[in-house]
């Protein structure tokens, strides 16, 4: 390079200069004050004009030359460099980045110029000491609306997730959204989150597709590679949701298993089973059906369900019998001592008390392990093989017993806590799918969960009892039955305000015949399971009769 003195007004602007966005007035004022005080410390770099004419073009130092003119300097020192288009582009970029960081838009334009000259993204990243991911991110700006680029050049830059969404949309789509979300006078900043949300398109990933490439071609599906996804997964996707779902449905229809059907989903993405059918949570039988459906990600899922067998029509009564029945009249079905709502409340109260007892009651170690076996023998426990989310909560408990080296490592207190938490997650007495059945009743009786049951002398629960059961609850108390049932209920509520009332049907200890039927059923061979189920149903009826005729318990 050659050092020489030139008039700054004679220097020409470089059409390929890196910094196109205007610098801030504060930065220009600071540079002007510095030049007036000590002059230009580092001379700008100039190049001979390439158009064959006379004069020089500014290569590095446009701001220094401009402020030298503003300082009314007659001459300044400059360095004359040899022209080299390829390396000059990189030197110019490095010079500007080192002096004052370029805004992302100017940096992107410089990177694009280097790419046009043959530089690779990796080599640019290495030369600028930037991550290669950052270079790829900036190159997304090539697909951004110019009006958005002007806003970004002011320093209002979106995050990478928003930038990816914006760059993936067409210019026309960006233009429509920009009309709504462009900055106003009152708020000069843009809500890039809202812009990205307005441009977001649902993605259907190839890894969730069951159809092959031939069917994808038939539906006009073109896969797009997500360059920012992890390298170890298939990140191809399409935004043509309708075509993707159509191909998935066609594949399902063509590959349905025996006794299989395509079912719809509800608004929460859950399968809608046929009317009166029952979902099978365990291993499906030969007579059970399989339903295939599409979840919210477009992936094919399956569910097993059982359709009830039609009941045989009973023989019709003779016209004379029907006439006699009309003349005599039919007796109204008596109300059960405890209604279905009452049994559901009992199930909830039992479950809460059982969980309280499991958390706080003294339990011997051997008993705790026995309870754990009982918990997993409950009818609400099932394992769906191949489902990554199955038993997730229990898996989290088990993870507490694993050390950093991948081996079992725990103390006795941790083991006790994990065992109690697992039992709480498994055992249930609720009147729904989570009911553990006899297993939870036996477990609750073993640990004295009855003492954790709350006072059931409430208007809400007593309203679920029949008159006979209400009057039976008055036995051994000072409360006398009233003419109106609601008055008797109110008296019972007042009587047990300071004590505790427990209905016999809520106690954990199951009827002995039901326990015998349960143990007999699970101790038999598979060919005897049907007869065992009949015995269990009979014991259920016996327990209901036993509970209905019981008496109340009062305790301090």
Protein backbone atom coordinates (compact mmCIF):
# COMPACT_ATOMS: atom_id res chain seq x y z
CA UNK A 1 0.00 0.00 0.00
CA UNK A 2 1.04 3.60 -0.67
CA UNK A 3 0.47 6.49 1.75
CA UNK A 4 -0.54 9.80 0.16
CA UNK A 5 -2.35 13.08 0.90
CA UNK A 6 -5.62 13.79 -0.94
CA UNK A 7 -8.53 16.21 -0.78
CA UNK A 8 -11.40 14.23 0.86
CA UNK A 9 -13.86 15.99 -1.45
CA UNK A 10 -12.19 14.39 -4.48
CA UNK A 11 -12.85 10.83 -3.30
CA UNK A 12 -15.76 8.93 -4.83
CA UNK A 13 -18.31 6.80 -2.99
CA UNK A 14 -17.92 3.05 -3.39
CA UNK A 15 -21.10 1.57 -4.96
CA UNK A 16 -20.37 -1.72 -3.13
CA UNK A 17 -19.85 -0.23 0.33
CA UNK A 18 -20.77 -2.48 3.23
CA UNK A 19 -22.56 0.00 5.49
CA UNK A 20 -25.70 1.18 3.73
CA UNK A 21 -27.75 1.99 6.81
CA UNK A 22 -27.15 5.43 8.25
CA UNK A 23 -25.16 5.57 11.45
CA UNK A 24 -26.64 7.22 14.50
CA UNK A 25 -26.19 11.02 14.95
CA UNK A 26 -24.47 10.37 18.28
CA UNK A 27 -21.82 8.16 16.66
CA UNK A 28 -21.23 10.72 13.88
CA UNK A 29 -20.90 13.59 16.39
CA UNK A 30 -18.38 11.61 18.44
CA UNK A 31 -16.28 10.82 15.35
CA UNK A 32 -16.38 14.48 14.22
CA UNK A 33 -15.19 15.69 17.62
CA UNK A 34 -12.35 13.17 17.55
CA UNK A 35 -11.20 14.28 14.07
CA UNK A 36 -11.29 17.94 15.06
CA UNK A 37 -9.23 17.22 18.16
CA UNK A 38 -6.54 14.82 16.92
CA UNK A 39 -7.27 14.30 13.24
CA UNK A 40 -7.80 10.94 11.54
CA UNK A 41 -5.83 8.35 13.51
CA UNK A 42 -6.13 5.52 10.97
CA UNK A 43 -6.11 6.63 7.32
CA UNK A 44 -9.00 5.46 5.13
CA UNK A 45 -8.17 2.97 2.37
CA UNK A 46 -8.89 3.93 -1.25
CA UNK A 47 -8.72 2.12 -4.59
CA UNK A 48 -8.14 3.40 -8.12
CA UNK A 49 -11.39 3.81 -10.00
CA UNK A 50 -12.23 0.61 -11.91
CA UNK A 51 -14.14 2.30 -14.72
CA UNK A 52 -10.86 3.37 -16.34
CA UNK A 53 -11.30 6.98 -15.35
CA UNK A 54 -9.20 9.14 -13.08
CA UNK A 55 -9.67 9.47 -9.34
CA UNK A 56 -10.05 7.15 -6.41
CA UNK A 57 -12.88 5.24 -4.76
CA UNK A 58 -13.25 4.91 -0.99
CA UNK A 59 -12.67 1.30 0.04
CA UNK A 60 -12.62 1.52 3.85
CA UNK A 61 -13.54 4.62 5.86
CA UNK A 62 -16.63 6.27 4.35
CA UNK A 63 -17.61 7.72 7.74
CA UNK A 64 -14.08 9.06 8.38
CA UNK A 65 -14.03 10.80 4.97
CA UNK A 66 -17.52 12.26 5.50
CA UNK A 67 -16.62 13.65 8.94
CA UNK A 68 -13.28 15.00 7.61
CA UNK A 69 -15.27 17.01 5.06
CA UNK A 70 -17.59 18.17 7.86
CA UNK A 71 -14.49 19.26 9.83
CA UNK A 72 -13.39 21.30 6.75
CA UNK A 73 -10.01 19.54 6.43
CA UNK A 74 -8.24 20.49 3.20
CA UNK A 75 -6.28 17.22 2.95
CA UNK A 76 -6.19 13.89 4.73
CA UNK A 77 -3.80 10.95 4.69
CA UNK A 78 -5.06 7.85 2.84
CA UNK A 79 -3.68 4.44 1.91
CA UNK A 80 -3.91 3.37 -1.74
CA UNK A 81 -4.50 -0.43 -1.97
CA UNK A 82 -4.11 -2.82 -4.89
CA UNK A 83 -7.49 -3.92 -6.31
CA UNK A 84 -8.45 -7.57 -5.59
CA UNK A 85 -12.20 -8.08 -5.87
CA UNK A 86 -12.39 -11.35 -3.96
CA UNK A 87 -10.25 -10.50 -0.95
CA UNK A 88 -11.19 -6.81 -1.01
CA UNK A 89 -14.80 -7.79 -0.29
CA UNK A 90 -13.76 -9.75 2.79
CA UNK A 91 -11.31 -7.05 3.94
CA UNK A 92 -14.01 -4.41 3.60
CA UNK A 93 -16.44 -6.50 5.60
CA UNK A 94 -13.93 -7.28 8.37
CA UNK A 95 -12.89 -3.62 8.56
CA UNK A 96 -16.47 -2.46 9.10
CA UNK A 97 -17.32 -5.21 11.54
CA UNK A 98 -14.22 -4.53 13.62
CA UNK A 99 -14.79 -0.75 13.81
CA UNK A 100 -18.52 -0.64 14.55
CA UNK A 101 -20.73 -3.73 14.24
CA UNK A 102 -22.89 -3.73 11.16
CA UNK A 103 -26.60 -4.13 11.67
CA UNK A 104 -27.90 -7.56 10.62
CA UNK A 105 -29.29 -6.35 7.30
CA UNK A 106 -26.01 -4.75 6.15
CA UNK A 107 -24.13 -7.81 7.39
CA UNK A 108 -26.44 -10.05 5.36
CA UNK A 109 -25.89 -7.98 2.21
CA UNK A 110 -22.13 -8.29 2.67
CA UNK A 111 -22.40 -12.04 3.17
CA UNK A 112 -24.45 -12.37 -0.01
CA UNK A 113 -21.80 -10.46 -1.91
CA UNK A 114 -19.14 -12.85 -0.62
CA UNK A 115 -21.27 -15.87 -1.57
CA UNK A 116 -21.61 -14.45 -5.08
CA UNK A 117 -17.79 -14.23 -5.22
CA UNK A 118 -17.49 -17.93 -4.35
CA UNK A 119 -17.12 -17.90 -0.56
CA UNK A 120 -18.80 -20.74 1.31
CA UNK A 121 -20.89 -20.23 4.42
CA UNK A 122 -18.33 -22.11 6.50
CA UNK A 123 -15.41 -20.02 5.26
CA UNK A 124 -17.34 -16.78 5.88
CA UNK A 125 -18.17 -17.91 9.41
CA UNK A 126 -14.53 -18.79 10.06
CA UNK A 127 -13.24 -15.46 8.74
CA UNK A 128 -15.76 -13.41 10.75
CA UNK A 129 -15.51 -15.57 13.88
CA UNK A 130 -19.24 -16.20 13.67
CA UNK A 131 -21.13 -19.49 14.13
CA UNK A 132 -22.08 -21.07 10.81
CA UNK A 133 -25.67 -21.18 12.13
CA UNK A 134 -25.60 -17.38 12.44
CA UNK A 135 -24.52 -17.04 8.82
CA UNK A 136 -27.33 -19.34 7.68
CA UNK A 137 -29.79 -17.40 9.80
CA UNK A 138 -28.78 -14.08 8.20
CA UNK A 139 -29.16 -15.57 4.74
CA UNK A 140 -32.85 -16.07 5.53
CA UNK A 141 -33.18 -12.31 5.08
CA UNK A 142 -33.02 -12.87 1.31
CA UNK A 143 -36.66 -14.06 1.53
CA UNK A 144 -37.90 -11.14 3.67
CA UNK A 145 -40.07 -8.27 2.44
CA UNK A 146 -37.93 -5.12 1.76
CA UNK A 147 -40.13 -3.03 4.07
CA UNK A 148 -39.43 -5.50 6.88
CA UNK A 149 -35.71 -5.34 6.07
CA UNK A 150 -35.77 -1.56 6.52
CA UNK A 151 -37.33 -2.02 9.96
CA UNK A 152 -34.75 -4.65 10.90
CA UNK A 153 -31.92 -2.35 9.77
CA UNK A 154 -33.01 0.07 12.50
CA UNK A 155 -32.08 -2.52 15.11
CA UNK A 156 -35.59 -3.96 15.53
CA UNK A 157 -34.59 -7.56 14.78
CA UNK A 158 -36.91 -10.56 15.29
CA UNK A 159 -35.78 -13.73 17.06
CA UNK A 160 -34.67 -16.72 15.08
CA UNK A 161 -37.98 -18.65 15.39
CA UNK A 162 -39.95 -15.63 14.13
CA UNK A 163 -37.43 -14.98 11.34
CA UNK A 164 -37.70 -18.58 10.15
CA UNK A 165 -41.50 -18.31 9.94
CA UNK A 166 -41.36 -14.97 8.12
CA UNK A 167 -38.76 -16.17 5.61
CA UNK A 168 -40.79 -19.33 4.89
CA UNK A 169 -43.82 -17.26 3.79
CA UNK A 170 -44.22 -15.79 0.32
CA UNK A 171 -43.60 -12.10 -0.36
CA UNK A 172 -47.32 -11.58 -1.04
CA UNK A 173 -48.24 -13.14 2.29
CA UNK A 174 -45.65 -11.03 4.08
CA UNK A 175 -46.97 -7.89 2.39
CA UNK A 176 -50.54 -8.55 3.55
CA UNK A 177 -49.47 -9.21 7.13
CA UNK A 178 -47.12 -6.19 7.14
CA UNK A 179 -50.02 -3.86 6.35
CA UNK A 180 -51.61 -4.84 9.66
CA UNK A 181 -48.55 -5.06 11.91
CA UNK A 182 -46.18 -2.40 10.53
CA UNK A 183 -44.98 0.14 13.13
CA UNK A 184 -47.09 3.17 13.98
CA UNK A 185 -46.03 6.60 15.16
CA UNK A 186 -47.09 5.82 18.71
CA UNK A 187 -45.15 2.53 18.75
CA UNK A 188 -42.07 2.42 16.47
CA UNK A 189 -41.31 -1.22 17.34
CA UNK A 190 -42.88 -4.21 15.62
CA UNK A 191 -44.43 -7.17 17.42
CA UNK A 192 -42.56 -9.82 15.45
CA UNK A 193 -44.33 -12.49 17.48
CA UNK A 194 -47.69 -11.36 16.06
CA UNK A 195 -46.23 -11.15 12.56
CA UNK A 196 -44.87 -14.70 12.79
CA UNK A 197 -48.11 -16.02 14.27
CA UNK A 198 -50.10 -14.51 11.39
CA UNK A 199 -47.76 -16.20 8.90
CA UNK A 200 -47.53 -19.55 10.70
CA UNK A 201 -48.59 -22.58 8.71
CA UNK A 202 -49.21 -25.99 10.18
CA UNK A 203 -46.43 -28.43 9.38
CA UNK A 204 -47.02 -32.10 8.67
CA UNK A 205 -43.78 -34.04 9.08
CA UNK A 206 -42.65 -36.93 6.89
CA UNK A 207 -41.67 -38.95 9.95
CA UNK A 208 -45.37 -39.09 10.91
CA UNK A 209 -46.49 -40.24 7.47
CA UNK A 210 -47.50 -43.88 6.95
CA UNK A 211 -47.88 -43.53 3.17
CA UNK A 212 -45.03 -44.03 0.72
CA UNK A 213 -43.46 -41.69 -1.85
CA UNK A 214 -45.79 -42.89 -4.60
CA UNK A 215 -48.87 -41.82 -2.69
CA UNK A 216 -47.17 -38.56 -1.73
CA UNK A 217 -46.55 -37.83 -5.42
CA UNK A 218 -50.15 -38.69 -6.26
CA UNK A 219 -51.38 -36.09 -3.76
CA UNK A 220 -48.83 -33.50 -4.93
CA UNK A 221 -46.93 -33.43 -1.64
CA UNK A 222 -43.48 -31.84 -1.83
CA UNK A 223 -41.26 -32.26 1.20
CA UNK A 224 -39.28 -29.27 2.49
CA UNK A 225 -36.15 -29.76 4.60
CA UNK A 226 -35.98 -27.92 7.92
CA UNK A 227 -32.33 -26.86 7.97
CA UNK A 228 -32.47 -25.85 11.62
CA UNK A 229 -33.80 -29.17 12.93
CA UNK A 230 -31.51 -31.69 14.72
CA UNK A 231 -29.38 -33.65 12.30
CA UNK A 232 -30.38 -37.05 13.69
CA UNK A 233 -34.09 -36.87 12.79
CA UNK A 234 -36.14 -36.73 9.61
CA UNK A 235 -37.06 -33.03 9.49
CA UNK A 236 -38.87 -33.02 6.13
CA UNK A 237 -42.28 -31.39 6.25
CA UNK A 238 -45.10 -30.01 4.12
CA UNK A 239 -47.55 -27.19 4.79
CA UNK A 240 -50.19 -28.75 2.51
CA UNK A 241 -52.17 -30.14 5.42
CA UNK A 242 -55.17 -31.16 3.33
CA UNK A 243 -53.05 -33.27 0.96
CA UNK A 244 -51.15 -34.88 3.84
CA UNK A 245 -54.32 -35.87 5.69
CA UNK A 246 -55.87 -37.13 2.48
CA UNK A 247 -52.91 -39.42 1.82
CA UNK A 248 -52.98 -40.66 5.42
CA UNK A 249 -56.71 -41.43 5.18
CA UNK A 250 -56.27 -43.31 1.93
CA UNK A 251 -53.46 -45.38 3.43
CA UNK A 252 -55.59 -46.16 6.50
CA UNK A 253 -58.54 -47.25 4.37
CA UNK A 254 -56.32 -49.58 2.33
CA UNK A 255 -54.51 -51.17 5.30
CA UNK A 256 -57.24 -51.59 7.91
CA UNK A 257 -56.78 -54.75 10.01
CA UNK A 258 -59.46 -57.35 10.47
CA UNK A 259 -62.38 -55.91 12.47
CA UNK A 260 -60.80 -52.49 11.98
CA UNK A 261 -62.49 -49.18 11.17
CA UNK A 262 -61.58 -45.51 10.69
CA UNK A 263 -63.01 -43.35 13.48
CA UNK A 264 -63.27 -39.60 13.97
CA UNK A 265 -61.84 -37.44 16.75
CA UNK A 266 -63.45 -34.81 18.94
CA UNK A 267 -62.41 -31.18 19.36
CA UNK A 268 -59.64 -32.20 21.78
CA UNK A 269 -58.15 -34.73 19.37
CA UNK A 270 -59.51 -37.75 21.28
CA UNK A 271 -61.09 -40.68 19.41
CA UNK A 272 -64.88 -40.80 19.21
CA UNK A 273 -65.90 -44.43 19.70
CA UNK A 274 -69.07 -45.83 18.16
CA UNK A 275 -72.25 -45.47 20.20
CA UNK A 276 -72.49 -47.76 23.27
CA UNK A 277 -69.02 -49.19 22.65
CA UNK A 278 -66.49 -49.50 25.46
CA UNK A 279 -62.78 -48.79 25.19
CA UNK A 280 -60.45 -51.70 25.93
CA UNK A 281 -57.45 -50.58 27.97
CA UNK A 282 -55.74 -53.91 28.37
CA UNK A 283 -54.91 -56.56 25.80
CA UNK A 284 -57.78 -56.71 23.27
CA UNK A 285 -59.60 -60.00 22.72
CA UNK A 286 -60.35 -61.71 19.44
CA UNK A 287 -63.87 -60.29 19.34
CA UNK A 288 -62.74 -56.71 20.01
CA UNK A 289 -62.52 -54.08 17.28
CA UNK A 290 -59.68 -51.73 16.33
CA UNK A 291 -60.20 -48.10 15.43
CA UNK A 292 -57.64 -46.02 13.53
CA UNK A 293 -57.67 -42.23 13.71
CA UNK A 294 -55.44 -39.22 13.01
CA UNK A 295 -54.14 -37.18 15.92
CA UNK A 296 -53.42 -33.45 15.79
CA UNK A 297 -49.99 -34.05 14.25
CA UNK A 298 -51.51 -36.13 11.46
CA UNK A 299 -50.05 -39.35 12.84
CA UNK A 300 -52.09 -42.57 12.70
CA UNK A 301 -53.08 -43.87 16.14
CA UNK A 302 -55.09 -46.93 17.12
CA UNK A 303 -57.56 -47.71 19.88
CA UNK A 304 -59.25 -50.99 20.80
CA UNK A 305 -62.93 -51.03 21.72
CA UNK A 306 -65.66 -53.54 22.44
CA UNK A 307 -69.15 -53.37 20.96
CA UNK A 308 -71.83 -54.80 23.30
CA UNK A 309 -73.62 -57.90 22.09
CA UNK A 310 -77.31 -57.37 21.32
CA UNK A 311 -79.56 -58.80 23.99
CA UNK A 312 -81.97 -61.55 23.05
CA UNK A 313 -85.54 -60.37 22.82
CA UNK A 314 -87.72 -61.79 25.52
CA UNK A 315 -90.97 -63.50 24.64
CA UNK A 316 -93.96 -61.19 24.33
CA UNK A 317 -96.63 -61.46 26.96
CA UNK A 318 -100.11 -62.39 25.91
CA UNK A 319 -102.69 -59.71 25.37
CA UNK A 320 -104.59 -60.97 28.41
CA UNK A 321 -101.51 -60.60 30.62
CA UNK A 322 -100.92 -57.09 29.28
CA UNK A 323 -104.52 -56.16 29.97
CA UNK A 324 -104.30 -57.55 33.50
CA UNK A 325 -101.10 -55.64 34.12
CA UNK A 326 -102.78 -52.43 32.97
CA UNK A 327 -105.71 -53.03 35.30
CA UNK A 328 -103.54 -53.85 38.33
CA UNK A 329 -100.96 -51.19 37.62
CA UNK A 330 -97.20 -51.39 38.09
CA UNK A 331 -95.36 -50.70 41.30
CA UNK A 332 -92.79 -47.90 41.04
CA UNK A 333 -89.18 -49.05 41.41
CA UNK A 334 -88.05 -48.19 44.96
CA UNK A 335 -85.22 -45.71 45.34
CA UNK A 336 -81.94 -47.37 46.39
CA UNK A 337 -80.58 -46.53 49.82
CA UNK A 338 -77.54 -44.86 48.20
CA UNK A 339 -77.90 -43.33 44.75
CA UNK A 340 -75.29 -43.46 42.01
CA UNK A 341 -74.15 -39.94 42.91
CA UNK A 342 -73.78 -41.05 46.51
CA UNK A 343 -71.62 -44.01 45.48
CA UNK A 344 -69.50 -41.65 43.37
CA UNK A 345 -69.06 -39.36 46.37
CA UNK A 346 -68.09 -42.37 48.48
CA UNK A 347 -65.52 -43.31 45.84
CA UNK A 348 -64.03 -39.80 45.91
CA UNK A 349 -63.97 -39.68 49.71
CA UNK A 350 -62.39 -43.12 49.89
CA UNK A 351 -59.72 -42.18 47.36
CA UNK A 352 -58.80 -38.96 49.16
CA UNK A 353 -58.66 -40.75 52.51
CA UNK A 354 -56.62 -43.59 50.99
CA UNK A 355 -54.12 -41.13 49.56
CA UNK A 356 -53.87 -39.29 52.87
CA UNK A 357 -53.25 -42.57 54.69
CA UNK A 358 -50.64 -43.65 52.15
CA UNK A 359 -48.85 -40.35 52.57
CA UNK A 360 -48.88 -40.04 56.35
CA UNK A 361 -49.98 -43.23 58.13
CA UNK A 362 -47.23 -45.46 59.65
CA UNK A 363 -46.62 -48.35 57.23
CA UNK A 364 -44.19 -51.21 57.83
CA UNK A 365 -41.68 -51.89 55.06
CA UNK A 366 -43.05 -55.36 54.33
CA UNK A 367 -46.59 -54.01 54.26
CA UNK A 368 -45.52 -51.24 51.92
CA UNK A 369 -44.09 -53.70 49.43
CA UNK A 370 -47.22 -55.87 49.69
CA UNK A 371 -49.36 -52.80 49.01
CA UNK A 372 -47.27 -52.02 45.96
CA UNK A 373 -48.01 -55.49 44.59
CA UNK A 374 -51.70 -54.96 45.33
CA UNK A 375 -51.64 -51.58 43.56
CA UNK A 376 -50.36 -53.04 40.32
CA UNK A 377 -52.95 -55.83 40.60
CA UNK A 378 -55.70 -53.18 40.46
CA UNK A 379 -58.14 -53.26 37.56
CA UNK A 380 -57.23 -49.69 36.60
CA UNK A 381 -53.59 -50.57 35.86
CA UNK A 382 -52.59 -51.35 32.29
CA UNK A 383 -49.41 -51.20 30.20
CA UNK A 384 -49.63 -50.16 26.55
CA UNK A 385 -46.50 -51.52 24.91
CA UNK A 386 -44.80 -49.16 22.46
CA UNK A 387 -46.41 -46.06 23.96
CA UNK A 388 -43.63 -43.72 25.10
CA UNK A 389 -45.98 -41.83 27.42
CA UNK A 390 -47.31 -44.89 29.26
CA UNK A 391 -46.85 -44.87 33.01
CA UNK A 392 -44.94 -41.57 32.70
CA UNK A 393 -45.71 -40.48 36.24
CA UNK A 394 -44.55 -43.79 37.74
CA UNK A 395 -41.42 -43.63 35.61
CA UNK A 396 -40.60 -40.24 37.12
CA UNK A 397 -40.90 -41.75 40.58
CA UNK A 398 -38.62 -44.63 39.60
CA UNK A 399 -36.05 -42.19 38.19
CA UNK A 400 -35.45 -40.93 41.72
CA UNK A 401 -33.95 -44.32 42.56
CA UNK A 402 -31.34 -44.13 39.79
CA UNK A 403 -27.93 -42.58 40.41
CA UNK A 404 -25.81 -40.54 38.00
CA UNK A 405 -23.89 -43.67 37.01
CA UNK A 406 -27.09 -45.31 35.77
CA UNK A 407 -27.29 -47.77 38.66
CA UNK A 408 -29.67 -48.10 41.58
CA UNK A 409 -28.65 -45.63 44.28
CA UNK A 410 -31.05 -44.53 47.00
CA UNK A 411 -31.48 -44.34 50.75
CA UNK A 412 -34.32 -45.81 52.76
CA UNK A 413 -36.16 -42.50 53.12
CA UNK A 414 -36.16 -41.96 49.35
CA UNK A 415 -37.42 -45.50 48.80
CA UNK A 416 -40.26 -44.89 51.24
CA UNK A 417 -41.20 -41.61 49.52
CA UNK A 418 -41.14 -43.17 46.05
CA UNK A 419 -43.18 -46.18 47.17
CA UNK A 420 -45.85 -43.95 48.78
CA UNK A 421 -46.01 -41.67 45.70
CA UNK A 422 -46.36 -44.69 43.38
CA UNK A 423 -49.19 -46.12 45.47
CA UNK A 424 -50.96 -42.75 45.47
CA UNK A 425 -50.76 -42.59 41.66
CA UNK A 426 -52.08 -46.14 41.21
CA UNK A 427 -54.70 -46.90 43.86
CA UNK A 428 -58.14 -45.35 43.43
CA UNK A 429 -61.71 -45.98 44.58
CA UNK A 430 -63.36 -43.49 42.23
CA UNK A 431 -66.46 -44.56 40.31
CA UNK A 432 -64.83 -44.29 36.91
CA UNK A 433 -62.16 -45.95 34.76
CA UNK A 434 -59.47 -45.38 37.40
CA UNK A 435 -61.24 -47.60 40.01
CA UNK A 436 -58.76 -50.18 41.37
CA UNK A 437 -61.59 -52.37 42.63
CA UNK A 438 -61.15 -54.72 45.57
CA UNK A 439 -57.39 -54.14 45.63
CA UNK A 440 -57.79 -50.52 46.79
CA UNK A 441 -60.38 -51.53 49.39
CA UNK A 442 -58.08 -54.17 50.88
CA UNK A 443 -55.17 -51.72 50.87
CA UNK A 444 -57.18 -48.98 52.58
CA UNK A 445 -58.40 -51.38 55.28
CA UNK A 446 -54.84 -52.63 55.87
CA UNK A 447 -53.43 -49.16 56.63
CA UNK A 448 -56.44 -47.81 58.52
CA UNK A 449 -57.57 -45.35 55.86
CA UNK A 450 -61.02 -45.25 57.52
CA UNK A 451 -59.58 -42.86 60.11
CA UNK A 452 -58.77 -40.40 57.30
CA UNK A 453 -62.33 -40.29 55.96
CA UNK A 454 -63.98 -36.90 56.57
CA UNK A 455 -67.29 -36.27 58.28
CA UNK A 456 -69.97 -37.42 55.85
CA UNK A 457 -72.82 -35.72 57.73
CA UNK A 458 -73.20 -33.07 55.06
CA UNK A 459 -76.33 -31.97 53.25
CA UNK A 460 -74.74 -32.89 49.93
CA UNK A 461 -74.07 -36.51 50.87
CA UNK A 462 -77.11 -37.14 53.09
CA UNK A 463 -79.36 -36.05 50.21
CA UNK A 464 -78.10 -39.16 48.40
CA UNK A 465 -79.55 -41.49 51.08
CA UNK A 466 -83.04 -42.95 51.15
CA UNK A 467 -85.46 -42.37 54.01
CA UNK A 468 -84.65 -45.85 55.40
CA UNK A 469 -80.91 -45.15 55.36
CA UNK A 470 -81.42 -41.70 56.93
CA UNK A 471 -83.50 -43.16 59.75
CA UNK A 472 -80.93 -45.94 60.26
CA UNK A 473 -78.28 -43.26 60.68
CA UNK A 474 -80.28 -41.83 63.57
CA UNK A 475 -79.88 -45.06 65.55
CA UNK A 476 -77.70 -44.76 68.64
CA UNK A 477 -78.02 -40.97 68.48
CA UNK A 478 -80.29 -38.45 70.14
CA UNK A 479 -81.78 -37.50 66.78
CA UNK A 480 -85.36 -38.66 66.22
CA UNK A 481 -86.68 -39.15 62.68
CA UNK A 482 -88.85 -36.25 61.49
CA UNK A 483 -91.91 -36.33 59.32
CA UNK A 484 -89.98 -34.70 56.50
CA UNK A 485 -86.72 -36.30 55.39
CA UNK A 486 -84.98 -32.96 54.89
CA UNK A 487 -85.65 -32.05 58.53
CA UNK A 488 -84.05 -35.34 59.63
CA UNK A 489 -81.03 -34.61 57.43
CA UNK A 490 -80.67 -31.13 58.95
CA UNK A 491 -80.83 -32.57 62.45
CA UNK A 492 -78.12 -35.13 61.59
CA UNK A 493 -75.88 -32.42 60.17
CA UNK A 494 -76.27 -30.39 63.35
CA UNK A 495 -75.74 -33.45 65.59
CA UNK A 496 -72.47 -34.42 63.89
CA UNK A 497 -71.15 -30.87 63.64
CA UNK A 498 -68.53 -31.62 66.30
CA UNK A 499 -68.20 -35.39 65.65
CA UNK A 500 -67.78 -37.60 62.61
CA UNK A 501 -70.35 -39.65 60.74
CA UNK A 502 -69.29 -42.48 58.44
CA UNK A 503 -71.77 -44.40 56.34
CA UNK A 504 -71.10 -48.16 56.41
CA UNK A 505 -70.97 -48.23 52.62
CA UNK A 506 -67.95 -45.90 52.73
CA UNK A 507 -65.81 -48.13 54.95
CA UNK A 508 -62.84 -49.69 53.20
CA UNK A 509 -63.20 -53.29 54.41
CA UNK A 510 -64.98 -55.17 51.58
CA UNK A 511 -67.48 -57.94 52.17
CA UNK A 512 -65.73 -61.30 52.79
CA UNK A 513 -67.59 -62.94 49.92
CA UNK A 514 -66.35 -60.30 47.51
CA UNK A 515 -62.75 -60.78 48.64
CA UNK A 516 -63.15 -64.54 48.27
CA UNK A 517 -64.57 -64.14 44.77
CA UNK A 518 -61.75 -61.76 43.81
CA UNK A 519 -58.98 -64.06 45.06
CA UNK A 520 -60.72 -67.05 43.52
CA UNK A 521 -61.00 -65.34 40.14
CA UNK A 522 -57.35 -64.31 39.96
CA UNK A 523 -56.15 -67.68 41.24
CA UNK A 524 -57.86 -69.71 38.55
CA UNK A 525 -56.62 -70.71 35.14
CA UNK A 526 -57.60 -68.67 32.09
CA UNK A 527 -60.27 -71.15 31.03
CA UNK A 528 -62.10 -70.53 34.36
CA UNK A 529 -62.10 -66.72 34.11
CA UNK A 530 -65.67 -66.49 32.80
CA UNK A 531 -67.16 -68.41 35.75
CA UNK A 532 -65.06 -66.33 38.15
CA UNK A 533 -66.50 -63.13 36.68
CA UNK A 534 -70.03 -64.41 37.32
CA UNK A 535 -69.17 -65.08 40.96
CA UNK A 536 -67.72 -61.57 41.24
CA UNK A 537 -70.92 -60.01 39.90
CA UNK A 538 -72.96 -61.97 42.44
CA UNK A 539 -70.70 -60.77 45.25
CA UNK A 540 -71.13 -57.15 44.05
CA UNK A 541 -74.88 -57.51 44.54
CA UNK A 542 -74.36 -59.07 47.95
CA UNK A 543 -72.13 -56.18 49.02
CA UNK A 544 -74.68 -53.60 47.92
CA UNK A 545 -77.31 -55.31 50.07
CA UNK A 546 -74.84 -55.51 52.94
CA UNK A 547 -74.00 -51.78 52.68
CA UNK A 548 -77.63 -50.69 52.40
CA UNK A 549 -78.61 -52.31 55.71
CA UNK A 550 -75.67 -50.97 57.71
CA UNK A 551 -75.57 -48.38 60.43
CA UNK A 552 -73.67 -45.15 60.94
CA UNK A 553 -70.47 -44.81 62.88
CA UNK A 554 -69.77 -41.81 65.08
CA UNK A 555 -66.33 -41.04 66.44
CA UNK A 556 -64.76 -38.13 68.22
